[in-house]
PDB file of N, CA and C in Angstrom:
ATOM      1  N   MET A   1     108.741 -48.498 -11.641  1.00  0.00           N
ATOM      2  CA  MET A   1     108.024 -47.737 -10.646  1.00  0.00           C
ATOM      3  C   MET A   1     107.727 -48.655  -9.456  1.00  0.00           C
ATOM      4  N   PRO A   2     108.027 -48.228  -8.241  1.00  0.00           N
ATOM      5  CA  PRO A   2     107.806 -49.095  -7.078  1.00  0.00           C
ATOM      6  C   PRO A   2     106.322 -49.267  -6.779  1.00  0.00           C
ATOM      7  N   GLU A   3     106.022 -50.391  -6.179  1.00  0.00           N
ATOM      8  CA  GLU A   3     104.651 -50.691  -5.757  1.00  0.00           C
ATOM      9  C   GLU A   3     104.247 -49.726  -4.641  1.00  0.00           C
ATOM     10  N   PRO A   4     102.975 -49.340  -4.579  1.00  0.00           N
ATOM     11  CA  PRO A   4     102.543 -48.429  -3.507  1.00  0.00           C
ATOM     12  C   PRO A   4     102.742 -49.006  -2.114  1.00  0.00           C
ATOM     13  N   THR A   5     102.687 -50.339  -1.969  1.00  0.00           N
ATOM     14  CA  THR A   5     102.846 -50.946  -0.646  1.00  0.00           C
ATOM     15  C   THR A   5     104.301 -50.996  -0.224  1.00  0.00           C
ATOM     16  N   ASP A   6     105.239 -50.774  -1.152  1.00  0.00           N
ATOM     17  CA  ASP A   6     106.653 -50.791  -0.814  1.00  0.00           C
ATOM     18  C   ASP A   6     107.117 -49.463  -0.235  1.00  0.00           C
ATOM     19  N   SER A   7     106.262 -48.476  -0.227  1.00  0.00           N
ATOM     20  CA  SER A   7     106.622 -47.152   0.264  1.00  0.00           C
ATOM     21  C   SER A   7     106.892 -47.203   1.757  1.00  0.00           C
ATOM     22  N   PRO A   8     108.010 -46.592   2.202  1.00  0.00           N
ATOM     23  CA  PRO A   8     108.303 -46.606   3.641  1.00  0.00           C
ATOM     24  C   PRO A   8     107.281 -45.825   4.460  1.00  0.00           C
ATOM     25  N   ASP A   9     106.549 -44.906   3.827  1.00  0.00           N
ATOM     26  CA  ASP A   9     105.545 -44.131   4.548  1.00  0.00           C
ATOM     27  C   ASP A   9     104.360 -44.986   4.967  1.00  0.00           C
ATOM     28  N   LEU A  10     104.089 -46.063   4.222  1.00  0.00           N
ATOM     29  CA  LEU A  10     102.924 -46.895   4.511  1.00  0.00           C
ATOM     30  C   LEU A  10     103.225 -48.037   5.480  1.00  0.00           C
ATOM     31  N   ASP A  11     104.488 -48.347   5.710  1.00  0.00           N
ATOM     32  CA  ASP A  11     104.827 -49.478   6.567  1.00  0.00           C
ATOM     33  C   ASP A  11     104.263 -49.342   7.982  1.00  0.00           C
ATOM     34  N   PRO A  12     104.444 -48.227   8.672  1.00  0.00           N
ATOM     35  CA  PRO A  12     103.860 -48.126  10.022  1.00  0.00           C
ATOM     36  C   PRO A  12     102.330 -48.199  10.004  1.00  0.00           C
ATOM     37  N   PHE A  13     101.723 -47.611   8.968  1.00  0.00           N
ATOM     38  CA  PHE A  13     100.270 -47.669   8.864  1.00  0.00           C
ATOM     39  C   PHE A  13      99.792 -49.100   8.687  1.00  0.00           C
ATOM     40  N   GLU A  14     100.470 -49.855   7.820  1.00  0.00           N
ATOM     41  CA  GLU A  14     100.071 -51.247   7.592  1.00  0.00           C
ATOM     42  C   GLU A  14     100.237 -52.082   8.848  1.00  0.00           C
ATOM     43  N   GLU A  15     101.297 -51.834   9.599  1.00  0.00           N
ATOM     44  CA  GLU A  15     101.497 -52.564  10.848  1.00  0.00           C
ATOM     45  C   GLU A  15     100.374 -52.252  11.847  1.00  0.00           C
ATOM     46  N   ARG A  16     100.019 -50.977  11.946  1.00  0.00           N
ATOM     47  CA  ARG A  16      98.926 -50.601  12.842  1.00  0.00           C
ATOM     48  C   ARG A  16      97.598 -51.189  12.377  1.00  0.00           C
ATOM     49  N   LEU A  17      97.396 -51.208  11.056  1.00  0.00           N
ATOM     50  CA  LEU A  17      96.166 -51.765  10.508  1.00  0.00           C
ATOM     51  C   LEU A  17      96.073 -53.252  10.798  1.00  0.00           C
ATOM     52  N   ARG A  18      97.161 -53.996  10.604  1.00  0.00           N
ATOM     53  CA  ARG A  18      97.171 -55.433  10.905  1.00  0.00           C
ATOM     54  C   ARG A  18      96.906 -55.680  12.391  1.00  0.00           C
ATOM     55  N   ALA A  19      97.515 -54.876  13.240  1.00  0.00           N
ATOM     56  CA  ALA A  19      97.306 -55.035  14.679  1.00  0.00           C
ATOM     57  C   ALA A  19      95.853 -54.752  15.056  1.00  0.00           C
ATOM     58  N   ALA A  20      95.263 -53.723  14.456  1.00  0.00           N
ATOM     59  CA  ALA A  20      93.869 -53.391  14.746  1.00  0.00           C
ATOM     60  C   ALA A  20      92.930 -54.486  14.264  1.00  0.00           C
ATOM     61  N   LYS A  21      93.202 -55.023  13.069  1.00  0.00           N
ATOM     62  CA  LYS A  21      92.355 -56.109  12.564  1.00  0.00           C
ATOM     63  C   LYS A  21      92.467 -57.340  13.441  1.00  0.00           C
ATOM     64  N   ALA A  22      93.667 -57.647  13.880  1.00  0.00           N
ATOM     65  CA  ALA A  22      93.851 -58.818  14.739  1.00  0.00           C
ATOM     66  C   ALA A  22      93.142 -58.629  16.076  1.00  0.00           C
ATOM     67  N   LYS A  23      93.114 -57.389  16.556  1.00  0.00           N
ATOM     68  CA  LYS A  23      92.512 -57.130  17.857  1.00  0.00           C
ATOM     69  C   LYS A  23      90.990 -57.084  17.810  1.00  0.00           C
ATOM     70  N   PHE A  24      90.423 -56.494  16.752  1.00  0.00           N
ATOM     71  CA  PHE A  24      88.987 -56.240  16.730  1.00  0.00           C
ATOM     72  C   PHE A  24      88.193 -57.111  15.772  1.00  0.00           C
ATOM     73  N   ASP A  25      88.812 -57.892  14.924  1.00  0.00           N
ATOM     74  CA  ASP A  25      88.075 -58.708  13.960  1.00  0.00           C
ATOM     75  C   ASP A  25      87.823 -60.082  14.554  1.00  0.00           C
ATOM     76  N   PRO A  26      86.606 -60.362  15.030  1.00  0.00           N
ATOM     77  CA  PRO A  26      86.345 -61.629  15.703  1.00  0.00           C
ATOM     78  C   PRO A  26      86.053 -62.786  14.752  1.00  0.00           C
ATOM     79  N   ALA A  27      86.469 -62.711  13.514  1.00  0.00           N
ATOM     80  CA  ALA A  27      86.215 -63.754  12.527  1.00  0.00           C
ATOM     81  C   ALA A  27      84.705 -63.991  12.421  1.00  0.00           C
ATOM     82  N   PRO A  28      83.999 -63.208  11.610  1.00  0.00           N
ATOM     83  CA  PRO A  28      82.532 -63.267  11.544  1.00  0.00           C
ATOM     84  C   PRO A  28      81.974 -64.662  11.317  1.00  0.00           C
ATOM     85  N   ARG A  29      82.660 -65.488  10.550  1.00  0.00           N
ATOM     86  CA  ARG A  29      82.158 -66.841  10.295  1.00  0.00           C
ATOM     87  C   ARG A  29      82.128 -67.643  11.597  1.00  0.00           C
ATOM     88  N   ASP A  30      83.171 -67.526  12.403  1.00  0.00           N
ATOM     89  CA  ASP A  30      83.210 -68.254  13.674  1.00  0.00           C
ATOM     90  C   ASP A  30      82.100 -67.792  14.610  1.00  0.00           C
ATOM     91  N   VAL A  31      81.842 -66.493  14.637  1.00  0.00           N
ATOM     92  CA  VAL A  31      80.775 -65.959  15.485  1.00  0.00           C
ATOM     93  C   VAL A  31      79.422 -66.484  15.025  1.00  0.00           C
ATOM     94  N   ALA A  32      79.195 -66.508  13.714  1.00  0.00           N
ATOM     95  CA  ALA A  32      77.917 -66.984  13.186  1.00  0.00           C
ATOM     96  C   ALA A  32      77.725 -68.472  13.469  1.00  0.00           C
ATOM     97  N   VAL A  33      78.769 -69.259  13.305  1.00  0.00           N
ATOM     98  CA  VAL A  33      78.669 -70.698  13.564  1.00  0.00           C
ATOM     99  C   VAL A  33      78.399 -70.938  15.043  1.00  0.00           C
ATOM    100  N   SER A  34      79.074 -70.194  15.912  1.00  0.00           N
ATOM    101  CA  SER A  34      78.867 -70.346  17.338  1.00  0.00           C
ATOM    102  C   SER A  34      77.437 -69.955  17.737  1.00  0.00           C
ATOM    103  N   ALA A  35      76.932 -68.877  17.164  1.00  0.00           N
ATOM    104  CA  ALA A  35      75.567 -68.450  17.468  1.00  0.00           C
ATOM    105  C   ALA A  35      74.552 -69.471  16.969  1.00  0.00           C
ATOM    106  N   LEU A  36      74.794 -70.022  15.794  1.00  0.00           N
ATOM    107  CA  LEU A  36      73.897 -71.050  15.260  1.00  0.00           C
ATOM    108  C   LEU A  36      73.911 -72.283  16.149  1.00  0.00           C
ATOM    109  N   ALA A  37      75.080 -72.666  16.610  1.00  0.00           N
ATOM    110  CA  ALA A  37      75.183 -73.838  17.486  1.00  0.00           C
ATOM    111  C   ALA A  37      74.437 -73.613  18.793  1.00  0.00           C
ATOM    112  N   ARG A  38      74.604 -72.426  19.387  1.00  0.00           N
ATOM    113  CA  ARG A  38      73.892 -72.145  20.639  1.00  0.00           C
ATOM    114  C   ARG A  38      72.391 -72.104  20.422  1.00  0.00           C
ATOM    115  N   GLY A  39      71.949 -71.488  19.331  1.00  0.00           N
ATOM    116  CA  GLY A  39      70.515 -71.416  19.043  1.00  0.00           C
ATOM    117  C   GLY A  39      69.911 -72.786  18.828  1.00  0.00           C
ATOM    118  N   THR A  40      70.632 -73.634  18.097  1.00  0.00           N
ATOM    119  CA  THR A  40      70.148 -75.001  17.854  1.00  0.00           C
ATOM    120  C   THR A  40      70.075 -75.778  19.163  1.00  0.00           C
ATOM    121  N   ARG A  41      71.088 -75.618  20.003  1.00  0.00           N
ATOM    122  CA  ARG A  41      71.084 -76.311  21.290  1.00  0.00           C
ATOM    123  C   ARG A  41      69.883 -75.896  22.129  1.00  0.00           C
ATOM    124  N   HIS A  42      69.589 -74.600  22.170  1.00  0.00           N
ATOM    125  CA  HIS A  42      68.457 -74.130  22.969  1.00  0.00           C
ATOM    126  C   HIS A  42      67.130 -74.608  22.383  1.00  0.00           C
ATOM    127  N   ALA A  43      67.024 -74.651  21.072  1.00  0.00           N
ATOM    128  CA  ALA A  43      65.797 -75.152  20.446  1.00  0.00           C
ATOM    129  C   ALA A  43      65.590 -76.622  20.796  1.00  0.00           C
ATOM    130  N   PHE A  44      66.650 -77.413  20.755  1.00  0.00           N
ATOM    131  CA  PHE A  44      66.530 -78.825  21.112  1.00  0.00           C
ATOM    132  C   PHE A  44      66.214 -79.003  22.595  1.00  0.00           C
ATOM    133  N   GLU A  45      66.756 -78.144  23.444  1.00  0.00           N
ATOM    134  CA  GLU A  45      66.437 -78.238  24.870  1.00  0.00           C
ATOM    135  C   GLU A  45      64.955 -77.975  25.116  1.00  0.00           C
ATOM    136  N   ILE A  46      64.406 -76.966  24.452  1.00  0.00           N
ATOM    137  CA  ILE A  46      62.980 -76.672  24.620  1.00  0.00           C
ATOM    138  C   ILE A  46      62.141 -77.843  24.116  1.00  0.00           C
ATOM    139  N   ALA A  47      62.494 -78.378  22.954  1.00  0.00           N
ATOM    140  CA  ALA A  47      61.748 -79.513  22.408  1.00  0.00           C
ATOM    141  C   ALA A  47      61.869 -80.736  23.312  1.00  0.00           C
ATOM    142  N   ALA A  48      63.074 -80.990  23.813  1.00  0.00           N
ATOM    143  CA  ALA A  48      63.283 -82.173  24.655  1.00  0.00           C
ATOM    144  C   ALA A  48      62.526 -82.075  25.966  1.00  0.00           C
ATOM    145  N   THR A  49      62.584 -80.921  26.621  1.00  0.00           N
ATOM    146  CA  THR A  49      61.866 -80.805  27.891  1.00  0.00           C
ATOM    147  C   THR A  49      60.354 -80.901  27.677  1.00  0.00           C
ATOM    148  N   THR A  50      59.883 -80.369  26.552  1.00  0.00           N
ATOM    149  CA  THR A  50      58.454 -80.461  26.244  1.00  0.00           C
ATOM    150  C   THR A  50      58.056 -81.921  26.006  1.00  0.00           C
ATOM    151  N   LEU A  51      58.835 -82.640  25.221  1.00  0.00           N
ATOM    152  CA  LEU A  51      58.521 -84.044  24.935  1.00  0.00           C
ATOM    153  C   LEU A  51      58.635 -84.920  26.174  1.00  0.00           C
ATOM    154  N   VAL A  52      59.632 -84.677  26.996  1.00  0.00           N
ATOM    155  CA  VAL A  52      59.772 -85.468  28.229  1.00  0.00           C
ATOM    156  C   VAL A  52      58.588 -85.207  29.153  1.00  0.00           C
ATOM    157  N   GLY A  53      58.224 -83.926  29.308  1.00  0.00           N
ATOM    158  CA  GLY A  53      57.067 -83.611  30.142  1.00  0.00           C
ATOM    159  C   GLY A  53      55.798 -84.256  29.615  1.00  0.00           C
ATOM    160  N   ALA A  54      55.581 -84.183  28.307  1.00  0.00           N
ATOM    161  CA  ALA A  54      54.388 -84.788  27.713  1.00  0.00           C
ATOM    162  C   ALA A  54      54.394 -86.303  27.887  1.00  0.00           C
ATOM    163  N   GLY A  55      55.557 -86.907  27.672  1.00  0.00           N
ATOM    164  CA  GLY A  55      55.663 -88.368  27.823  1.00  0.00           C
ATOM    165  C   GLY A  55      55.408 -88.817  29.241  1.00  0.00           C
ATOM    166  N   LEU A  56      55.993 -88.128  30.200  1.00  0.00           N
ATOM    167  CA  LEU A  56      55.754 -88.486  31.593  1.00  0.00           C
ATOM    168  C   LEU A  56      54.301 -88.262  31.989  1.00  0.00           C
ATOM    169  N   GLY A  57      53.707 -87.182  31.507  1.00  0.00           N
ATOM    170  CA  GLY A  57      52.291 -86.920  31.789  1.00  0.00           C
ATOM    171  C   GLY A  57      51.384 -87.985  31.195  1.00  0.00           C
ATOM    172  N   TRP A  58      51.671 -88.397  29.980  1.00  0.00           N
ATOM    173  CA  TRP A  58      50.877 -89.441  29.323  1.00  0.00           C
ATOM    174  C   TRP A  58      50.985 -90.750  30.100  1.00  0.00           C
ATOM    175  N   TRP A  59      52.232 -91.105  30.490  1.00  0.00           N
ATOM    176  CA  TRP A  59      52.449 -92.331  31.238  1.00  0.00           C
ATOM    177  C   TRP A  59      51.738 -92.262  32.589  1.00  0.00           C
ATOM    178  N   LEU A  60      51.829 -91.110  33.259  1.00  0.00           N
ATOM    179  CA  LEU A  60      51.187 -90.943  34.555  1.00  0.00           C
ATOM    180  C   LEU A  60      49.666 -91.042  34.435  1.00  0.00           C
ATOM    181  N   ASP A  61      49.106 -90.457  33.376  1.00  0.00           N
ATOM    182  CA  ASP A  61      47.659 -90.548  33.151  1.00  0.00           C
ATOM    183  C   ASP A  61      47.210 -91.985  32.932  1.00  0.00           C
ATOM    184  N   ARG A  62      47.971 -92.749  32.176  1.00  0.00           N
ATOM    185  CA  ARG A  62      47.606 -94.154  31.931  1.00  0.00           C
ATOM    186  C   ARG A  62      47.685 -94.962  33.218  1.00  0.00           C
ATOM    187  N   TRP A  63      48.685 -94.652  34.049  1.00  0.00           N
ATOM    188  CA  TRP A  63      48.897 -95.410  35.272  1.00  0.00           C
ATOM    189  C   TRP A  63      47.852 -95.064  36.334  1.00  0.00           C
ATOM    190  N   LEU A  64      47.528 -93.753  36.447  1.00  0.00           N
ATOM    191  CA  LEU A  64      46.594 -93.322  37.488  1.00  0.00           C
ATOM    192  C   LEU A  64      45.163 -93.151  36.989  1.00  0.00           C
ATOM    193  N   GLY A  65      44.960 -93.139  35.683  1.00  0.00           N
ATOM    194  CA  GLY A  65      43.633 -92.946  35.126  1.00  0.00           C
ATOM    195  C   GLY A  65      43.113 -91.523  35.285  1.00  0.00           C
ATOM    196  N   THR A  66      43.993 -90.555  35.183  1.00  0.00           N
ATOM    197  CA  THR A  66      43.611 -89.155  35.378  1.00  0.00           C
ATOM    198  C   THR A  66      43.585 -88.391  34.058  1.00  0.00           C
ATOM    199  N   LYS A  67      43.333 -89.088  32.988  1.00  0.00           N
ATOM    200  CA  LYS A  67      43.382 -88.485  31.655  1.00  0.00           C
ATOM    201  C   LYS A  67      42.559 -87.218  31.584  1.00  0.00           C
ATOM    202  N   PRO A  68      42.949 -86.152  31.034  1.00  0.00           N
ATOM    203  CA  PRO A  68      44.193 -85.674  30.416  1.00  0.00           C
ATOM    204  C   PRO A  68      44.999 -84.765  31.335  1.00  0.00           C
ATOM    205  N   TRP A  69      44.704 -84.741  32.649  1.00  0.00           N
ATOM    206  CA  TRP A  69      45.268 -83.717  33.524  1.00  0.00           C
ATOM    207  C   TRP A  69      46.759 -83.873  33.747  1.00  0.00           C
ATOM    208  N   GLY A  70      47.240 -85.045  33.939  1.00  0.00           N
ATOM    209  CA  GLY A  70      48.680 -85.242  34.122  1.00  0.00           C
ATOM    210  C   GLY A  70      49.455 -84.854  32.880  1.00  0.00           C
ATOM    211  N   PHE A  71      48.911 -85.246  31.711  1.00  0.00           N
ATOM    212  CA  PHE A  71      49.550 -84.895  30.438  1.00  0.00           C
ATOM    213  C   PHE A  71      49.645 -83.381  30.294  1.00  0.00           C
ATOM    214  N   LEU A  72      48.533 -82.685  30.513  1.00  0.00           N
ATOM    215  CA  LEU A  72      48.524 -81.235  30.343  1.00  0.00           C
ATOM    216  C   LEU A  72      49.449 -80.542  31.343  1.00  0.00           C
ATOM    217  N   LEU A  73      49.398 -80.966  32.594  1.00  0.00           N
ATOM    218  CA  LEU A  73      50.214 -80.342  33.618  1.00  0.00           C
ATOM    219  C   LEU A  73      51.706 -80.528  33.334  1.00  0.00           C
ATOM    220  N   LEU A  74      52.109 -81.752  33.056  1.00  0.00           N
ATOM    221  CA  LEU A  74      53.523 -82.009  32.821  1.00  0.00           C
ATOM    222  C   LEU A  74      53.993 -81.468  31.472  1.00  0.00           C
ATOM    223  N   LEU A  75      53.104 -81.388  30.495  1.00  0.00           N
ATOM    224  CA  LEU A  75      53.453 -80.747  29.228  1.00  0.00           C
ATOM    225  C   LEU A  75      53.789 -79.274  29.472  1.00  0.00           C
ATOM    226  N   LEU A  76      52.932 -78.590  30.222  1.00  0.00           N
ATOM    227  CA  LEU A  76      53.181 -77.183  30.528  1.00  0.00           C
ATOM    228  C   LEU A  76      54.434 -76.999  31.379  1.00  0.00           C
ATOM    229  N   LEU A  77      54.667 -77.902  32.318  1.00  0.00           N
ATOM    230  CA  LEU A  77      55.887 -77.831  33.115  1.00  0.00           C
ATOM    231  C   LEU A  77      57.128 -78.049  32.247  1.00  0.00           C
ATOM    232  N   GLY A  78      57.045 -78.937  31.275  1.00  0.00           N
ATOM    233  CA  GLY A  78      58.162 -79.170  30.360  1.00  0.00           C
ATOM    234  C   GLY A  78      58.464 -77.944  29.513  1.00  0.00           C
ATOM    235  N   VAL A  79      57.406 -77.306  29.005  1.00  0.00           N
ATOM    236  CA  VAL A  79      57.593 -76.081  28.222  1.00  0.00           C
ATOM    237  C   VAL A  79      58.210 -75.002  29.105  1.00  0.00           C
ATOM    238  N   ALA A  80      57.705 -74.860  30.318  1.00  0.00           N
ATOM    239  CA  ALA A  80      58.231 -73.849  31.239  1.00  0.00           C
ATOM    240  C   ALA A  80      59.699 -74.126  31.573  1.00  0.00           C
ATOM    241  N   ALA A  81      60.048 -75.382  31.777  1.00  0.00           N
ATOM    242  CA  ALA A  81      61.441 -75.729  32.085  1.00  0.00           C
ATOM    243  C   ALA A  81      62.351 -75.397  30.900  1.00  0.00           C
ATOM    244  N   GLY A  82      61.900 -75.667  29.688  1.00  0.00           N
ATOM    245  CA  GLY A  82      62.696 -75.349  28.503  1.00  0.00           C
ATOM    246  C   GLY A  82      62.944 -73.854  28.371  1.00  0.00           C
ATOM    247  N   PHE A  83      61.908 -73.067  28.560  1.00  0.00           N
ATOM    248  CA  PHE A  83      62.077 -71.626  28.448  1.00  0.00           C
ATOM    249  C   PHE A  83      62.843 -71.050  29.637  1.00  0.00           C
ATOM    250  N   TRP A  84      62.729 -71.669  30.803  1.00  0.00           N
ATOM    251  CA  TRP A  84      63.517 -71.239  31.954  1.00  0.00           C
ATOM    252  C   TRP A  84      65.003 -71.432  31.670  1.00  0.00           C
ATOM    253  N   ASN A  85      65.366 -72.585  31.081  1.00  0.00           N
ATOM    254  CA  ASN A  85      66.757 -72.828  30.705  1.00  0.00           C
ATOM    255  C   ASN A  85      67.230 -71.810  29.671  1.00  0.00           C
ATOM    256  N   LEU A  86      66.377 -71.484  28.720  1.00  0.00           N
ATOM    257  CA  LEU A  86      66.719 -70.482  27.709  1.00  0.00           C
ATOM    258  C   LEU A  86      66.945 -69.127  28.361  1.00  0.00           C
ATOM    259  N   LEU A  87      66.091 -68.749  29.282  1.00  0.00           N
ATOM    260  CA  LEU A  87      66.223 -67.472  29.970  1.00  0.00           C
ATOM    261  C   LEU A  87      67.523 -67.409  30.772  1.00  0.00           C
ATOM    262  N   LYS A  88      67.880 -68.499  31.452  1.00  0.00           N
ATOM    263  CA  LYS A  88      69.131 -68.527  32.198  1.00  0.00           C
ATOM    264  C   LYS A  88      70.325 -68.381  31.260  1.00  0.00           C
ATOM    265  N   ALA A  89      70.286 -69.032  30.115  1.00  0.00           N
ATOM    266  CA  ALA A  89      71.394 -68.940  29.161  1.00  0.00           C
ATOM    267  C   ALA A  89      71.527 -67.534  28.593  1.00  0.00           C
ATOM    268  N   VAL A  90      70.399 -66.905  28.278  1.00  0.00           N
ATOM    269  CA  VAL A  90      70.432 -65.539  27.745  1.00  0.00           C
ATOM    270  C   VAL A  90      70.969 -64.581  28.801  1.00  0.00           C
ATOM    271  N   ASN A  91      70.549 -64.733  30.040  1.00  0.00           N
ATOM    272  CA  ASN A  91      71.048 -63.869  31.111  1.00  0.00           C
ATOM    273  C   ASN A  91      72.545 -64.056  31.331  1.00  0.00           C
ATOM    274  N   ALA A  92      73.029 -65.295  31.251  1.00  0.00           N
ATOM    275  CA  ALA A  92      74.461 -65.555  31.402  1.00  0.00           C
ATOM    276  C   ALA A  92      75.248 -64.920  30.258  1.00  0.00           C
ATOM    277  N   GLU A  93      74.738 -65.019  29.036  1.00  0.00           N
ATOM    278  CA  GLU A  93      75.401 -64.417  27.886  1.00  0.00           C
ATOM    279  C   GLU A  93      75.407 -62.892  27.999  1.00  0.00           C
ATOM    280  N   THR A  94      74.316 -62.314  28.450  1.00  0.00           N
ATOM    281  CA  THR A  94      74.238 -60.869  28.629  1.00  0.00           C
ATOM    282  C   THR A  94      75.237 -60.404  29.682  1.00  0.00           C
ATOM    283  N   ALA A  95      75.347 -61.145  30.779  1.00  0.00           N
ATOM    284  CA  ALA A  95      76.308 -60.782  31.827  1.00  0.00           C
ATOM    285  C   ALA A  95      77.739 -60.873  31.302  1.00  0.00           C
ATOM    286  N   ALA A  96      78.026 -61.891  30.500  1.00  0.00           N
ATOM    287  CA  ALA A  96      79.369 -62.031  29.936  1.00  0.00           C
ATOM    288  C   ALA A  96      79.684 -60.883  28.981  1.00  0.00           C
ATOM    289  N   LEU A  97      78.714 -60.480  28.160  1.00  0.00           N
ATOM    290  CA  LEU A  97      78.935 -59.367  27.241  1.00  0.00           C
ATOM    291  C   LEU A  97      79.136 -58.056  27.998  1.00  0.00           C
ATOM    292  N   ARG A  98      78.362 -57.851  29.057  1.00  0.00           N
ATOM    293  CA  ARG A  98      78.541 -56.643  29.869  1.00  0.00           C
ATOM    294  C   ARG A  98      79.923 -56.614  30.513  1.00  0.00           C
ATOM    295  N   GLN A  99      80.369 -57.762  30.992  1.00  0.00           N
ATOM    296  CA  GLN A  99      81.693 -57.843  31.615  1.00  0.00           C
ATOM    297  C   GLN A  99      82.783 -57.559  30.586  1.00  0.00           C
ATOM    298  N   GLN A 100      82.641 -58.094  29.375  1.00  0.00           N
ATOM    299  CA  GLN A 100      83.612 -57.816  28.316  1.00  0.00           C
ATOM    300  C   GLN A 100      83.647 -56.330  27.991  1.00  0.00           C
ATOM    301  N   LYS A 101      82.479 -55.710  27.941  1.00  0.00           N
ATOM    302  CA  LYS A 101      82.415 -54.277  27.641  1.00  0.00           C
ATOM    303  C   LYS A 101      83.064 -53.462  28.750  1.00  0.00           C
ATOM    304  N   GLN A 102      82.806 -53.826  29.996  1.00  0.00           N
ATOM    305  CA  GLN A 102      83.427 -53.122  31.109  1.00  0.00           C
ATOM    306  C   GLN A 102      84.937 -53.294  31.087  1.00  0.00           C
ATOM    307  N   ASP A 103      85.405 -54.509  30.785  1.00  0.00           N
ATOM    308  CA  ASP A 103      86.840 -54.748  30.714  1.00  0.00           C
ATOM    309  C   ASP A 103      87.472 -53.942  29.585  1.00  0.00           C
ATOM    310  N   ALA A 104      86.781 -53.872  28.445  1.00  0.00           N
ATOM    311  CA  ALA A 104      87.296 -53.102  27.317  1.00  0.00           C
ATOM    312  C   ALA A 104      87.317 -51.619  27.641  1.00  0.00           C
ATOM    313  N   ASP A 105      86.264 -51.117  28.286  1.00  0.00           N
ATOM    314  CA  ASP A 105      86.218 -49.707  28.677  1.00  0.00           C
ATOM    315  C   ASP A 105      87.312 -49.387  29.693  1.00  0.00           C
ATOM    316  N   ALA A 106      87.540 -50.288  30.632  1.00  0.00           N
ATOM    317  CA  ALA A 106      88.583 -50.071  31.634  1.00  0.00           C
ATOM    318  C   ALA A 106      89.959 -50.083  30.971  1.00  0.00           C
ATOM    319  N   GLY A 107      90.145 -50.921  29.968  1.00  0.00           N
ATOM    320  CA  GLY A 107      91.418 -50.977  29.264  1.00  0.00           C
ATOM    321  C   GLY A 107      91.689 -49.725  28.455  1.00  0.00           C
ATOM    322  N   GLN A 108      90.655 -49.105  27.910  1.00  0.00           N
ATOM    323  CA  GLN A 108      90.821 -47.887  27.123  1.00  0.00           C
ATOM    324  C   GLN A 108      91.073 -46.685  28.014  1.00  0.00           C
ATOM    325  N   ASN A 109      90.490 -46.671  29.204  1.00  0.00           N
ATOM    326  CA  ASN A 109      90.628 -45.534  30.101  1.00  0.00           C
ATOM    327  C   ASN A 109      91.909 -45.590  30.921  1.00  0.00           C
ATOM    328  N   GLY A 110      92.620 -46.680  30.860  1.00  0.00           N
ATOM    329  CA  GLY A 110      93.851 -46.820  31.630  1.00  0.00           C
ATOM    330  C   GLY A 110      93.542 -47.283  33.028  1.00  0.00           C
ATOM    331  N   PRO A 111      94.589 -47.395  33.849  1.00  0.00           N
ATOM    332  CA  PRO A 111      94.362 -47.853  35.218  1.00  0.00           C
ATOM    333  C   PRO A 111      93.565 -46.839  36.005  1.00  0.00           C
ATOM    334  N   ALA A 112      92.793 -47.339  36.911  1.00  0.00           N
ATOM    335  CA  ALA A 112      91.947 -46.454  37.728  1.00  0.00           C
ATOM    336  C   ALA A 112      92.825 -45.589  38.618  1.00  0.00           C
ATOM    337  N   GLU A 113      92.397 -44.345  38.793  1.00  0.00           N
ATOM    338  CA  GLU A 113      93.148 -43.435  39.646  1.00  0.00           C
ATOM    339  C   GLU A 113      92.920 -43.833  41.098  1.00  0.00           C
ATOM    340  N   ARG A 114      93.997 -43.789  41.849  1.00  0.00           N
ATOM    341  CA  ARG A 114      93.901 -44.140  43.272  1.00  0.00           C
ATOM    342  C   ARG A 114      94.032 -42.894  44.115  1.00  0.00           C
ATOM    343  N   ASP A 115      93.471 -42.979  45.302  1.00  0.00           N
ATOM    344  CA  ASP A 115      93.626 -41.862  46.240  1.00  0.00           C
ATOM    345  C   ASP A 115      95.058 -41.831  46.706  1.00  0.00           C
ATOM    346  N   THR A 116      95.646 -40.668  46.701  1.00  0.00           N
ATOM    347  CA  THR A 116      97.043 -40.532  47.103  1.00  0.00           C
ATOM    348  C   THR A 116      97.170 -39.865  48.450  1.00  0.00           C
ATOM    349  N   GLU A 117      96.094 -39.868  49.228  1.00  0.00           N
ATOM    350  CA  GLU A 117      96.139 -39.266  50.546  1.00  0.00           C
ATOM    351  C   GLU A 117      96.922 -40.163  51.491  1.00  0.00           C
ATOM    352  N   ALA A 118      97.668 -39.551  52.387  1.00  0.00           N
ATOM    353  CA  ALA A 118      98.476 -40.322  53.316  1.00  0.00           C
ATOM    354  C   ALA A 118      97.773 -40.505  54.630  1.00  0.00           C
TER     355      ALA A 118
END
């Protein structure tokens, strides 16, 4: 008895299925690893800007004798800078996803109709 996959009726279906999987399957593991890497990078950026701001504020307070105002001000500026960088990255990612969606929608709808007036 022949195998079900050897049937000539299933060959076109299998080819279409393979093509669809290749087109739409973004390899979930790769997506998860990439998202984890971006999240870790942003977490370290927030921590680094906070620590740099705090360190500079502490040093400035010791040098000028303005304890604790320089520390507090630069600590808050460091936190704000970290979250500002995060916000810019999220906005860039959102814009890229919107552009991908628009490109995909345009590809499904075919070429845009043009005016044929002379």
